PDB file of N, CA and C in Angstrom:
ATOM      1  N   UNK A   1      12.769 210.609  99.398  1.00  0.00           N
ATOM      2  CA  UNK A   1      13.847 209.987  99.533  1.00  0.00           C
ATOM      3  C   UNK A   1      14.220 208.141  99.379  1.00  0.00           C
ATOM      4  N   UNK A   2      12.772 207.897  99.699  1.00  0.00           N
ATOM      5  CA  UNK A   2      12.399 206.409  99.903  1.00  0.00           C
ATOM      6  C   UNK A   2      11.835 206.060  98.297  1.00  0.00           C
ATOM      7  N   UNK A   3      12.069 204.841  97.736  1.00  0.00           N
ATOM      8  CA  UNK A   3      11.541 204.264  96.658  1.00  0.00           C
ATOM      9  C   UNK A   3      12.278 203.464  95.987  1.00  0.00           C
ATOM     10  N   UNK A   4      12.105 202.469  94.825  1.00  0.00           N
ATOM     11  CA  UNK A   4      12.694 201.699  94.355  1.00  0.00           C
ATOM     12  C   UNK A   4      13.553 202.271  93.288  1.00  0.00           C
ATOM     13  N   UNK A   5      14.721 201.669  92.992  1.00  0.00           N
ATOM     14  CA  UNK A   5      15.318 202.558  92.133  1.00  0.00           C
ATOM     15  C   UNK A   5      15.681 201.395  91.180  1.00  0.00           C
ATOM     16  N   UNK A   6      15.482 201.632  89.604  1.00  0.00           N
ATOM     17  CA  UNK A   6      15.731 200.894  89.036  1.00  0.00           C
ATOM     18  C   UNK A   6      17.132 200.868  88.300  1.00  0.00           C
ATOM     19  N   UNK A   7      17.978 199.755  88.141  1.00  0.00           N
ATOM     20  CA  UNK A   7      19.379 199.996  88.027  1.00  0.00           C
ATOM     21  C   UNK A   7      19.692 198.621  86.796  1.00  0.00           C
ATOM     22  N   UNK A   8      21.121 198.563  86.443  1.00  0.00           N
ATOM     23  CA  UNK A   8      21.435 198.032  85.222  1.00  0.00           C
ATOM     24  C   UNK A   8      22.723 197.171  85.890  1.00  0.00           C
ATOM     25  N   UNK A   9      23.211 196.358  84.724  1.00  0.00           N
ATOM     26  CA  UNK A   9      24.482 195.846  85.136  1.00  0.00           C
ATOM     27  C   UNK A   9      25.507 196.925  85.394  1.00  0.00           C
ATOM     28  N   UNK A  10      25.209 197.778  84.659  1.00  0.00           N
ATOM     29  CA  UNK A  10      26.593 198.865  84.606  1.00  0.00           C
ATOM     30  C   UNK A  10      26.539 199.393  86.202  1.00  0.00           C
ATOM     31  N   UNK A  11      25.124 199.811  86.576  1.00  0.00           N
ATOM     32  CA  UNK A  11      25.204 200.032  88.059  1.00  0.00           C
ATOM     33  C   UNK A  11      25.519 199.677  89.178  1.00  0.00           C
ATOM     34  N   UNK A  12      25.383 198.210  89.037  1.00  0.00           N
ATOM     35  CA  UNK A  12      25.097 196.679  90.101  1.00  0.00           C
ATOM     36  C   UNK A  12      26.362 197.261  91.143  1.00  0.00           C
ATOM     37  N   UNK A  13      27.544 197.305  90.633  1.00  0.00           N
ATOM     38  CA  UNK A  13      28.747 197.723  91.628  1.00  0.00           C
ATOM     39  C   UNK A  13      28.570 198.845  92.504  1.00  0.00           C
ATOM     40  N   UNK A  14      28.103 200.007  91.858  1.00  0.00           N
ATOM     41  CA  UNK A  14      27.999 201.412  92.617  1.00  0.00           C
ATOM     42  C   UNK A  14      26.726 200.997  93.407  1.00  0.00           C
ATOM     43  N   UNK A  15      25.691 200.765  92.984  1.00  0.00           N
ATOM     44  CA  UNK A  15      24.455 201.022  93.727  1.00  0.00           C
ATOM     45  C   UNK A  15      24.151 199.810  94.696  1.00  0.00           C
ATOM     46  N   UNK A  16      24.745 198.566  94.511  1.00  0.00           N
ATOM     47  CA  UNK A  16      24.797 197.479  95.653  1.00  0.00           C
ATOM     48  C   UNK A  16      26.234 196.964  96.172  1.00  0.00           C
ATOM     49  N   UNK A  17      27.009 196.651  95.383  1.00  0.00           N
ATOM     50  CA  UNK A  17      28.239 196.337  96.060  1.00  0.00           C
ATOM     51  C   UNK A  17      29.221 197.186  97.018  1.00  0.00           C
ATOM     52  N   UNK A  18      29.057 198.556  96.562  1.00  0.00           N
ATOM     53  CA  UNK A  18      29.834 199.323  97.266  1.00  0.00           C
ATOM     54  C   UNK A  18      28.892 200.549  98.121  1.00  0.00           C
ATOM     55  N   UNK A  19      27.535 199.973  98.217  1.00  0.00           N
ATOM     56  CA  UNK A  19      26.589 200.707  99.181  1.00  0.00           C
ATOM     57  C   UNK A  19      27.065 200.488 100.462  1.00  0.00           C
ATOM     58  N   UNK A  20      26.718 201.844 101.536  1.00  0.00           N
ATOM     59  CA  UNK A  20      27.295 201.500 102.564  1.00  0.00           C
ATOM     60  C   UNK A  20      25.886 201.070 103.988  1.00  0.00           C
ATOM     61  N   UNK A  21      24.695 200.827 103.251  1.00  0.00           N
ATOM     62  CA  UNK A  21      23.836 200.660 103.959  1.00  0.00           C
ATOM     63  C   UNK A  21      23.142 198.996 103.358  1.00  0.00           C
ATOM     64  N   UNK A  22      22.063 198.472 103.748  1.00  0.00           N
ATOM     65  CA  UNK A  22      21.507 197.067 103.668  1.00  0.00           C
ATOM     66  C   UNK A  22      20.593 197.260 102.048  1.00  0.00           C
ATOM     67  N   UNK A  23      21.065 196.415 101.020  1.00  0.00           N
ATOM     68  CA  UNK A  23      20.323 196.707  99.852  1.00  0.00           C
ATOM     69  C   UNK A  23      19.472 195.603  99.367  1.00  0.00           C
ATOM     70  N   UNK A  24      18.377 195.782  99.120  1.00  0.00           N
ATOM     71  CA  UNK A  24      17.400 194.591  98.633  1.00  0.00           C
ATOM     72  C   UNK A  24      17.376 194.608  97.166  1.00  0.00           C
ATOM     73  N   UNK A  25      17.997 193.815  96.530  1.00  0.00           N
ATOM     74  CA  UNK A  25      17.872 193.564  94.861  1.00  0.00           C
ATOM     75  C   UNK A  25      16.794 192.805  94.763  1.00  0.00           C
ATOM     76  N   UNK A  26      15.628 193.458  93.938  1.00  0.00           N
ATOM     77  CA  UNK A  26      14.538 192.740  93.032  1.00  0.00           C
ATOM     78  C   UNK A  26      14.702 192.586  91.979  1.00  0.00           C
ATOM     79  N   UNK A  27      15.173 191.154  91.377  1.00  0.00           N
ATOM     80  CA  UNK A  27      14.689 190.799  89.820  1.00  0.00           C
ATOM     81  C   UNK A  27      13.678 190.226  89.625  1.00  0.00           C
ATOM     82  N   UNK A  28      13.125 190.867  88.379  1.00  0.00           N
ATOM     83  CA  UNK A  28      12.176 190.400  87.644  1.00  0.00           C
ATOM     84  C   UNK A  28      12.059 190.696  86.634  1.00  0.00           C
ATOM     85  N   UNK A  29      11.188 190.285  85.872  1.00  0.00           N
ATOM     86  CA  UNK A  29      10.928 190.146  84.399  1.00  0.00           C
ATOM     87  C   UNK A  29       9.445 190.388  83.947  1.00  0.00           C
ATOM     88  N   UNK A  30       9.443 190.928  82.686  1.00  0.00           N
ATOM     89  CA  UNK A  30       8.194 191.721  82.077  1.00  0.00           C
ATOM     90  C   UNK A  30       6.949 190.388  81.806  1.00  0.00           C
ATOM     91  N   UNK A  31       7.618 189.437  81.541  1.00  0.00           N
ATOM     92  CA  UNK A  31       6.480 188.152  81.417  1.00  0.00           C
ATOM     93  C   UNK A  31       6.242 187.478  82.296  1.00  0.00           C
ATOM     94  N   UNK A  32       6.521 187.942  83.837  1.00  0.00           N
ATOM     95  CA  UNK A  32       6.635 187.391  84.604  1.00  0.00           C
ATOM     96  C   UNK A  32       4.810 187.786  85.603  1.00  0.00           C
ATOM     97  N   UNK A  33       4.200 186.941  85.563  1.00  0.00           N
ATOM     98  CA  UNK A  33       2.874 187.287  86.546  1.00  0.00           C
ATOM     99  C   UNK A  33       3.233 187.335  87.787  1.00  0.00           C
ATOM    100  N   UNK A  34       4.083 186.530  88.484  1.00  0.00           N
ATOM    101  CA  UNK A  34       4.352 187.042  89.819  1.00  0.00           C
ATOM    102  C   UNK A  34       4.700 187.986  90.184  1.00  0.00           C
ATOM    103  N   UNK A  35       5.640 188.477  89.316  1.00  0.00           N
ATOM    104  CA  UNK A  35       6.496 189.753  89.656  1.00  0.00           C
ATOM    105  C   UNK A  35       5.610 191.180  89.384  1.00  0.00           C
ATOM    106  N   UNK A  36       4.303 191.177  88.501  1.00  0.00           N
ATOM    107  CA  UNK A  36       3.589 191.948  88.772  1.00  0.00           C
ATOM    108  C   UNK A  36       2.790 192.386  90.022  1.00  0.00           C
ATOM    109  N   UNK A  37       2.607 191.112  90.660  1.00  0.00           N
ATOM    110  CA  UNK A  37       2.188 191.365  92.169  1.00  0.00           C
ATOM    111  C   UNK A  37       3.251 191.749  93.065  1.00  0.00           C
ATOM    112  N   UNK A  38       4.685 191.383  93.223  1.00  0.00           N
ATOM    113  CA  UNK A  38       5.480 191.899  93.665  1.00  0.00           C
ATOM    114  C   UNK A  38       5.791 193.846  93.572  1.00  0.00           C
ATOM    115  N   UNK A  39       5.548 194.072  92.596  1.00  0.00           N
ATOM    116  CA  UNK A  39       5.874 195.182  92.580  1.00  0.00           C
ATOM    117  C   UNK A  39       5.101 196.466  93.578  1.00  0.00           C
ATOM    118  N   UNK A  40       3.783 196.192  93.414  1.00  0.00           N
ATOM    119  CA  UNK A  40       3.357 197.511  94.640  1.00  0.00           C
ATOM    120  C   UNK A  40       3.533 197.311  96.100  1.00  0.00           C
ATOM    121  N   UNK A  41       4.142 195.730  96.426  1.00  0.00           N
ATOM    122  CA  UNK A  41       4.802 195.220  97.809  1.00  0.00           C
ATOM    123  C   UNK A  41       6.098 195.844  97.832  1.00  0.00           C
ATOM    124  N   UNK A  42       6.799 195.836  96.559  1.00  0.00           N
ATOM    125  CA  UNK A  42       8.197 196.411  97.003  1.00  0.00           C
ATOM    126  C   UNK A  42       8.327 198.085  97.040  1.00  0.00           C
ATOM    127  N   UNK A  43       7.421 198.623  96.182  1.00  0.00           N
ATOM    128  CA  UNK A  43       6.937 200.086  96.578  1.00  0.00           C
ATOM    129  C   UNK A  43       6.771 200.407  98.292  1.00  0.00           C
ATOM    130  N   UNK A  44       5.504 199.605  98.828  1.00  0.00           N
ATOM    131  CA  UNK A  44       5.300 199.609 100.021  1.00  0.00           C
ATOM    132  C   UNK A  44       6.205 199.757 101.069  1.00  0.00           C
ATOM    133  N   UNK A  45       7.495 198.625 100.639  1.00  0.00           N
ATOM    134  CA  UNK A  45       8.603 198.352 101.536  1.00  0.00           C
ATOM    135  C   UNK A  45       9.354 199.406 101.439  1.00  0.00           C
ATOM    136  N   UNK A  46       9.450 200.158 100.334  1.00  0.00           N
ATOM    137  CA  UNK A  46      10.781 201.116 100.152  1.00  0.00           C
ATOM    138  C   UNK A  46      10.128 202.035 100.768  1.00  0.00           C
ATOM    139  N   UNK A  47       9.011 202.678 101.003  1.00  0.00           N
ATOM    140  CA  UNK A  47       8.450 203.522 101.781  1.00  0.00           C
ATOM    141  C   UNK A  47       8.396 203.591 103.411  1.00  0.00           C
ATOM    142  N   UNK A  48       8.071 202.267 103.655  1.00  0.00           N
ATOM    143  CA  UNK A  48       8.258 201.813 105.265  1.00  0.00           C
ATOM    144  C   UNK A  48       9.864 202.211 105.688  1.00  0.00           C
ATOM    145  N   UNK A  49      10.561 201.204 104.953  1.00  0.00           N
ATOM    146  CA  UNK A  49      11.923 200.792 105.342  1.00  0.00           C
ATOM    147  C   UNK A  49      13.219 201.713 104.484  1.00  0.00           C
ATOM    148  N   UNK A  50      12.600 202.814 103.917  1.00  0.00           N
ATOM    149  CA  UNK A  50      13.777 203.783 102.854  1.00  0.00           C
ATOM    150  C   UNK A  50      14.702 203.939 103.690  1.00  0.00           C
ATOM    151  N   UNK A  51      14.419 204.424 105.110  1.00  0.00           N
ATOM    152  CA  UNK A  51      15.500 204.898 105.900  1.00  0.00           C
ATOM    153  C   UNK A  51      16.828 203.891 106.404  1.00  0.00           C
ATOM    154  N   UNK A  52      16.311 202.646 106.220  1.00  0.00           N
ATOM    155  CA  UNK A  52      17.586 201.586 106.543  1.00  0.00           C
ATOM    156  C   UNK A  52      17.655 200.758 105.618  1.00  0.00           C
ATOM    157  N   UNK A  53      17.063 200.729 104.421  1.00  0.00           N
ATOM    158  CA  UNK A  53      17.526 199.654 103.393  1.00  0.00           C
ATOM    159  C   UNK A  53      17.055 200.350 101.912  1.00  0.00           C
ATOM    160  N   UNK A  54      17.891 200.093 101.455  1.00  0.00           N
ATOM    161  CA  UNK A  54      17.942 200.740  99.684  1.00  0.00           C
ATOM    162  C   UNK A  54      17.463 199.425  98.959  1.00  0.00           C
ATOM    163  N   UNK A  55      16.255 199.661  97.970  1.00  0.00           N
ATOM    164  CA  UNK A  55      15.790 198.628  97.211  1.00  0.00           C
ATOM    165  C   UNK A  55      15.806 198.790  95.998  1.00  0.00           C
ATOM    166  N   UNK A  56      16.590 197.954  94.902  1.00  0.00           N
ATOM    167  CA  UNK A  56      16.840 198.683  93.496  1.00  0.00           C
ATOM    168  C   UNK A  56      16.351 197.328  92.803  1.00  0.00           C
ATOM    169  N   UNK A  57      15.970 197.921  91.621  1.00  0.00           N
ATOM    170  CA  UNK A  57      14.908 196.856  90.810  1.00  0.00           C
ATOM    171  C   UNK A  57      15.869 196.340  89.593  1.00  0.00           C
ATOM    172  N   UNK A  58      15.975 194.959  89.426  1.00  0.00           N
ATOM    173  CA  UNK A  58      16.675 194.831  88.105  1.00  0.00           C
ATOM    174  C   UNK A  58      16.231 193.913  87.137  1.00  0.00           C
ATOM    175  N   UNK A  59      15.607 194.176  85.851  1.00  0.00           N
ATOM    176  CA  UNK A  59      15.154 193.156  84.921  1.00  0.00           C
ATOM    177  C   UNK A  59      16.272 192.219  84.694  1.00  0.00           C
ATOM    178  N   UNK A  60      15.611 191.089  84.513  1.00  0.00           N
ATOM    179  CA  UNK A  60      16.519 189.862  84.199  1.00  0.00           C
ATOM    180  C   UNK A  60      17.035 189.633  82.934  1.00  0.00           C
ATOM    181  N   UNK A  61      16.384 189.881  81.991  1.00  0.00           N
ATOM    182  CA  UNK A  61      16.778 189.656  80.928  1.00  0.00           C
ATOM    183  C   UNK A  61      17.866 190.607  80.057  1.00  0.00           C
ATOM    184  N   UNK A  62      17.852 191.945  80.370  1.00  0.00           N
ATOM    185  CA  UNK A  62      18.837 192.938  80.064  1.00  0.00           C
ATOM    186  C   UNK A  62      20.082 192.848  80.887  1.00  0.00           C
ATOM    187  N   UNK A  63      20.040 191.979  81.937  1.00  0.00           N
ATOM    188  CA  UNK A  63      21.200 192.261  83.060  1.00  0.00           C
ATOM    189  C   UNK A  63      21.630 190.989  83.439  1.00  0.00           C
ATOM    190  N   UNK A  64      22.304 190.304  82.307  1.00  0.00           N
ATOM    191  CA  UNK A  64      22.761 188.868  82.839  1.00  0.00           C
ATOM    192  C   UNK A  64      23.867 188.789  83.475  1.00  0.00           C
ATOM    193  N   UNK A  65      24.719 189.894  84.112  1.00  0.00           N
ATOM    194  CA  UNK A  65      25.651 189.939  85.074  1.00  0.00           C
ATOM    195  C   UNK A  65      25.482 189.853  86.363  1.00  0.00           C
ATOM    196  N   UNK A  66      24.570 190.590  86.566  1.00  0.00           N
ATOM    197  CA  UNK A  66      24.180 190.819  87.947  1.00  0.00           C
ATOM    198  C   UNK A  66      23.082 189.405  88.281  1.00  0.00           C
ATOM    199  N   UNK A  67      22.610 188.957  87.320  1.00  0.00           N
ATOM    200  CA  UNK A  67      21.545 187.887  87.605  1.00  0.00           C
ATOM    201  C   UNK A  67      22.762 186.745  87.882  1.00  0.00           C
ATOM    202  N   UNK A  68      23.952 186.179  87.392  1.00  0.00           N
ATOM    203  CA  UNK A  68      24.920 185.370  86.938  1.00  0.00           C
ATOM    204  C   UNK A  68      25.672 185.650  88.967  1.00  0.00           C
ATOM    205  N   UNK A  69      26.016 186.867  89.234  1.00  0.00           N
ATOM    206  CA  UNK A  69      26.365 187.359  90.430  1.00  0.00           C
ATOM    207  C   UNK A  69      25.853 186.540  91.487  1.00  0.00           C
ATOM    208  N   UNK A  70      24.211 187.099  91.319  1.00  0.00           N
ATOM    209  CA  UNK A  70      23.738 186.690  92.724  1.00  0.00           C
ATOM    210  C   UNK A  70      23.134 185.256  92.524  1.00  0.00           C
ATOM    211  N   UNK A  71      23.135 184.402  91.699  1.00  0.00           N
ATOM    212  CA  UNK A  71      22.464 183.202  91.141  1.00  0.00           C
ATOM    213  C   UNK A  71      20.984 182.893  90.857  1.00  0.00           C
ATOM    214  N   UNK A  72      20.696 183.771  90.474  1.00  0.00           N
ATOM    215  CA  UNK A  72      19.018 183.734  90.540  1.00  0.00           C
ATOM    216  C   UNK A  72      18.700 182.911  89.224  1.00  0.00           C
ATOM    217  N   UNK A  73      17.939 182.106  89.857  1.00  0.00           N
ATOM    218  CA  UNK A  73      17.583 181.038  89.051  1.00  0.00           C
ATOM    219  C   UNK A  73      15.860 181.176  88.122  1.00  0.00           C
ATOM    220  N   UNK A  74      15.492 181.931  89.003  1.00  0.00           N
ATOM    221  CA  UNK A  74      13.660 182.255  88.713  1.00  0.00           C
ATOM    222  C   UNK A  74      13.455 183.679  89.204  1.00  0.00           C
ATOM    223  N   UNK A  75      12.558 183.917  88.334  1.00  0.00           N
ATOM    224  CA  UNK A  75      11.624 185.316  89.201  1.00  0.00           C
ATOM    225  C   UNK A  75      10.582 185.463  89.959  1.00  0.00           C
ATOM    226  N   UNK A  76      10.040 185.993  90.549  1.00  0.00           N
ATOM    227  CA  UNK A  76      10.905 187.118  91.128  1.00  0.00           C
ATOM    228  C   UNK A  76      11.819 186.624  92.270  1.00  0.00           C
ATOM    229  N   UNK A  77      12.772 187.212  92.538  1.00  0.00           N
ATOM    230  CA  UNK A  77      13.611 187.133  92.941  1.00  0.00           C
ATOM    231  C   UNK A  77      14.469 188.164  94.131  1.00  0.00           C
ATOM    232  N   UNK A  78      14.523 187.728  95.285  1.00  0.00           N
ATOM    233  CA  UNK A  78      15.020 189.115  96.295  1.00  0.00           C
ATOM    234  C   UNK A  78      16.344 188.631  96.840  1.00  0.00           C
ATOM    235  N   UNK A  79      17.368 189.423  96.948  1.00  0.00           N
ATOM    236  CA  UNK A  79      18.652 189.285  97.206  1.00  0.00           C
ATOM    237  C   UNK A  79      18.929 190.636  97.881  1.00  0.00           C
ATOM    238  N   UNK A  80      19.595 190.045  99.221  1.00  0.00           N
ATOM    239  CA  UNK A  80      19.734 191.106 100.145  1.00  0.00           C
ATOM    240  C   UNK A  80      21.760 191.197 100.427  1.00  0.00           C
ATOM    241  N   UNK A  81      22.078 192.298 100.320  1.00  0.00           N
ATOM    242  CA  UNK A  81      23.522 192.486 100.157  1.00  0.00           C
ATOM    243  C   UNK A  81      23.738 193.556 101.574  1.00  0.00           C
ATOM    244  N   UNK A  82      24.813 193.265 101.951  1.00  0.00           N
ATOM    245  CA  UNK A  82      25.503 194.684 103.117  1.00  0.00           C
ATOM    246  C   UNK A  82      26.839 194.667 103.048  1.00  0.00           C
ATOM    247  N   UNK A  83      27.368 195.760 102.724  1.00  0.00           N
ATOM    248  CA  UNK A  83      28.745 195.999 102.746  1.00  0.00           C
ATOM    249  C   UNK A  83      29.624 195.135 101.433  1.00  0.00           C
ATOM    250  N   UNK A  84      28.550 194.906 100.306  1.00  0.00           N
ATOM    251  CA  UNK A  84      29.050 194.209  99.212  1.00  0.00           C
ATOM    252  C   UNK A  84      28.866 192.228  99.271  1.00  0.00           C
ATOM    253  N   UNK A  85      28.436 191.977 100.426  1.00  0.00           N
ATOM    254  CA  UNK A  85      28.293 190.732 100.604  1.00  0.00           C
ATOM    255  C   UNK A  85      26.845 190.370 100.587  1.00  0.00           C
ATOM    256  N   UNK A  86      26.473 189.226  99.991  1.00  0.00           N
ATOM    257  CA  UNK A  86      25.335 188.696  99.968  1.00  0.00           C
ATOM    258  C   UNK A  86      24.738 187.997 101.140  1.00  0.00           C
ATOM    259  N   UNK A  87      23.522 188.528 101.552  1.00  0.00           N
ATOM    260  CA  UNK A  87      23.536 187.752 103.069  1.00  0.00           C
ATOM    261  C   UNK A  87      22.360 186.951 102.905  1.00  0.00           C
ATOM    262  N   UNK A  88      21.565 187.279 101.872  1.00  0.00           N
ATOM    263  CA  UNK A  88      20.170 186.256 102.191  1.00  0.00           C
ATOM    264  C   UNK A  88      19.456 186.406 100.595  1.00  0.00           C
ATOM    265  N   UNK A  89      18.599 185.288 100.421  1.00  0.00           N
ATOM    266  CA  UNK A  89      17.883 185.383  98.985  1.00  0.00           C
ATOM    267  C   UNK A  89      16.819 184.633  99.149  1.00  0.00           C
ATOM    268  N   UNK A  90      15.962 185.030  98.495  1.00  0.00           N
ATOM    269  CA  UNK A  90      14.613 184.242  98.320  1.00  0.00           C
ATOM    270  C   UNK A  90      14.116 183.960  96.850  1.00  0.00           C
ATOM    271  N   UNK A  91      13.083 183.230  96.411  1.00  0.00           N
ATOM    272  CA  UNK A  91      12.795 183.314  94.958  1.00  0.00           C
ATOM    273  C   UNK A  91      11.329 183.103  95.012  1.00  0.00           C
ATOM    274  N   UNK A  92      10.169 183.547  94.054  1.00  0.00           N
ATOM    275  CA  UNK A  92       9.356 183.341  94.224  1.00  0.00           C
ATOM    276  C   UNK A  92       8.104 184.498  94.941  1.00  0.00           C
ATOM    277  N   UNK A  93       7.207 184.893  94.533  1.00  0.00           N
ATOM    278  CA  UNK A  93       6.423 185.856  94.973  1.00  0.00           C
ATOM    279  C   UNK A  93       6.223 185.673  96.463  1.00  0.00           C
ATOM    280  N   UNK A  94       6.254 186.861  97.388  1.00  0.00           N
ATOM    281  CA  UNK A  94       5.942 186.648  98.848  1.00  0.00           C
ATOM    282  C   UNK A  94       4.862 187.727  99.058  1.00  0.00           C
ATOM    283  N   UNK A  95       4.201 187.423 100.012  1.00  0.00           N
ATOM    284  CA  UNK A  95       3.084 188.559 100.497  1.00  0.00           C
ATOM    285  C   UNK A  95       3.698 189.625 101.487  1.00  0.00           C
ATOM    286  N   UNK A  96       3.625 190.855 101.448  1.00  0.00           N
ATOM    287  CA  UNK A  96       4.391 191.680 102.479  1.00  0.00           C
ATOM    288  C   UNK A  96       4.763 191.335 103.756  1.00  0.00           C
ATOM    289  N   UNK A  97       3.938 190.369 104.503  1.00  0.00           N
ATOM    290  CA  UNK A  97       4.242 189.653 105.934  1.00  0.00           C
ATOM    291  C   UNK A  97       5.310 189.027 105.904  1.00  0.00           C
ATOM    292  N   UNK A  98       5.489 187.882 104.809  1.00  0.00           N
ATOM    293  CA  UNK A  98       6.959 187.181 104.542  1.00  0.00           C
ATOM    294  C   UNK A  98       7.986 187.887 104.118  1.00  0.00           C
ATOM    295  N   UNK A  99       7.539 188.982 103.377  1.00  0.00           N
ATOM    296  CA  UNK A  99       8.663 189.750 102.919  1.00  0.00           C
ATOM    297  C   UNK A  99       9.109 190.721 104.198  1.00  0.00           C
ATOM    298  N   UNK A 100       8.637 190.809 104.783  1.00  0.00           N
ATOM    299  CA  UNK A 100       9.164 191.625 106.161  1.00  0.00           C
ATOM    300  C   UNK A 100       9.672 190.817 107.153  1.00  0.00           C
ATOM    301  N   UNK A 101       9.097 189.543 107.321  1.00  0.00           N
ATOM    302  CA  UNK A 101       9.831 188.499 108.075  1.00  0.00           C
ATOM    303  C   UNK A 101      11.295 188.291 107.138  1.00  0.00           C
ATOM    304  N   UNK A 102      11.563 188.218 106.289  1.00  0.00           N
ATOM    305  CA  UNK A 102      12.298 187.985 105.636  1.00  0.00           C
ATOM    306  C   UNK A 102      13.550 188.948 105.863  1.00  0.00           C
ATOM    307  N   UNK A 103      13.185 190.208 105.920  1.00  0.00           N
ATOM    308  CA  UNK A 103      14.311 191.428 106.279  1.00  0.00           C
ATOM    309  C   UNK A 103      14.276 191.551 107.732  1.00  0.00           C
ATOM    310  N   UNK A 104      13.671 191.116 108.368  1.00  0.00           N
ATOM    311  CA  UNK A 104      13.298 191.613 110.228  1.00  0.00           C
ATOM    312  C   UNK A 104      14.737 191.266 110.835  1.00  0.00           C
ATOM    313  N   UNK A 105      15.423 189.879 110.720  1.00  0.00           N
ATOM    314  CA  UNK A 105      16.776 190.045 111.166  1.00  0.00           C
ATOM    315  C   UNK A 105      17.836 190.609 110.694  1.00  0.00           C
ATOM    316  N   UNK A 106      17.532 191.226 109.305  1.00  0.00           N
ATOM    317  CA  UNK A 106      18.922 192.175 109.143  1.00  0.00           C
ATOM    318  C   UNK A 106      18.335 193.196 109.077  1.00  0.00           C
ATOM    319  N   UNK A 107      17.414 194.034 109.082  1.00  0.00           N
ATOM    320  CA  UNK A 107      17.204 195.274 109.720  1.00  0.00           C
ATOM    321  C   UNK A 107      17.573 195.368 110.791  1.00  0.00           C
ATOM    322  N   UNK A 108      17.260 194.421 111.619  1.00  0.00           N
ATOM    323  CA  UNK A 108      17.335 194.866 113.050  1.00  0.00           C
ATOM    324  C   UNK A 108      18.942 194.864 113.617  1.00  0.00           C
ATOM    325  N   UNK A 109      19.879 194.248 112.690  1.00  0.00           N
ATOM    326  CA  UNK A 109      21.222 194.475 112.923  1.00  0.00           C
ATOM    327  C   UNK A 109      21.937 195.639 112.351  1.00  0.00           C
ATOM    328  N   UNK A 110      21.254 196.365 111.482  1.00  0.00           N
ATOM    329  CA  UNK A 110      21.688 197.182 110.651  1.00  0.00           C
ATOM    330  C   UNK A 110      21.868 198.516 111.423  1.00  0.00           C
ATOM    331  N   UNK A 111      23.125 198.981 111.021  1.00  0.00           N
ATOM    332  CA  UNK A 111      23.579 200.314 112.015  1.00  0.00           C
ATOM    333  C   UNK A 111      22.671 201.262 111.593  1.00  0.00           C
TER     334      UNK A 111
END
């Protein structure tokens, strides 16, 4: 059940904007060194919080629409959505503890 789902611009509305639960969008690029550090952290977060949170992964270069919608300027970038609304965002690599802190307020208020 839990896991990181790779999506494209075509799936952004159905997977993110129309989702019924909290969604964390992870923007990355193949040429981005810090993104490679984030991938195992994202997989671990998906395993731990998969019952309360969906995690989707989008490569920035082939998905310019979602990048523009979310205002992503650098990668890695994390953007949190609930009920189609952008709640929070951060850019740059985060250690797992900081990522859990970033998510904590939103997870505690999740239905």
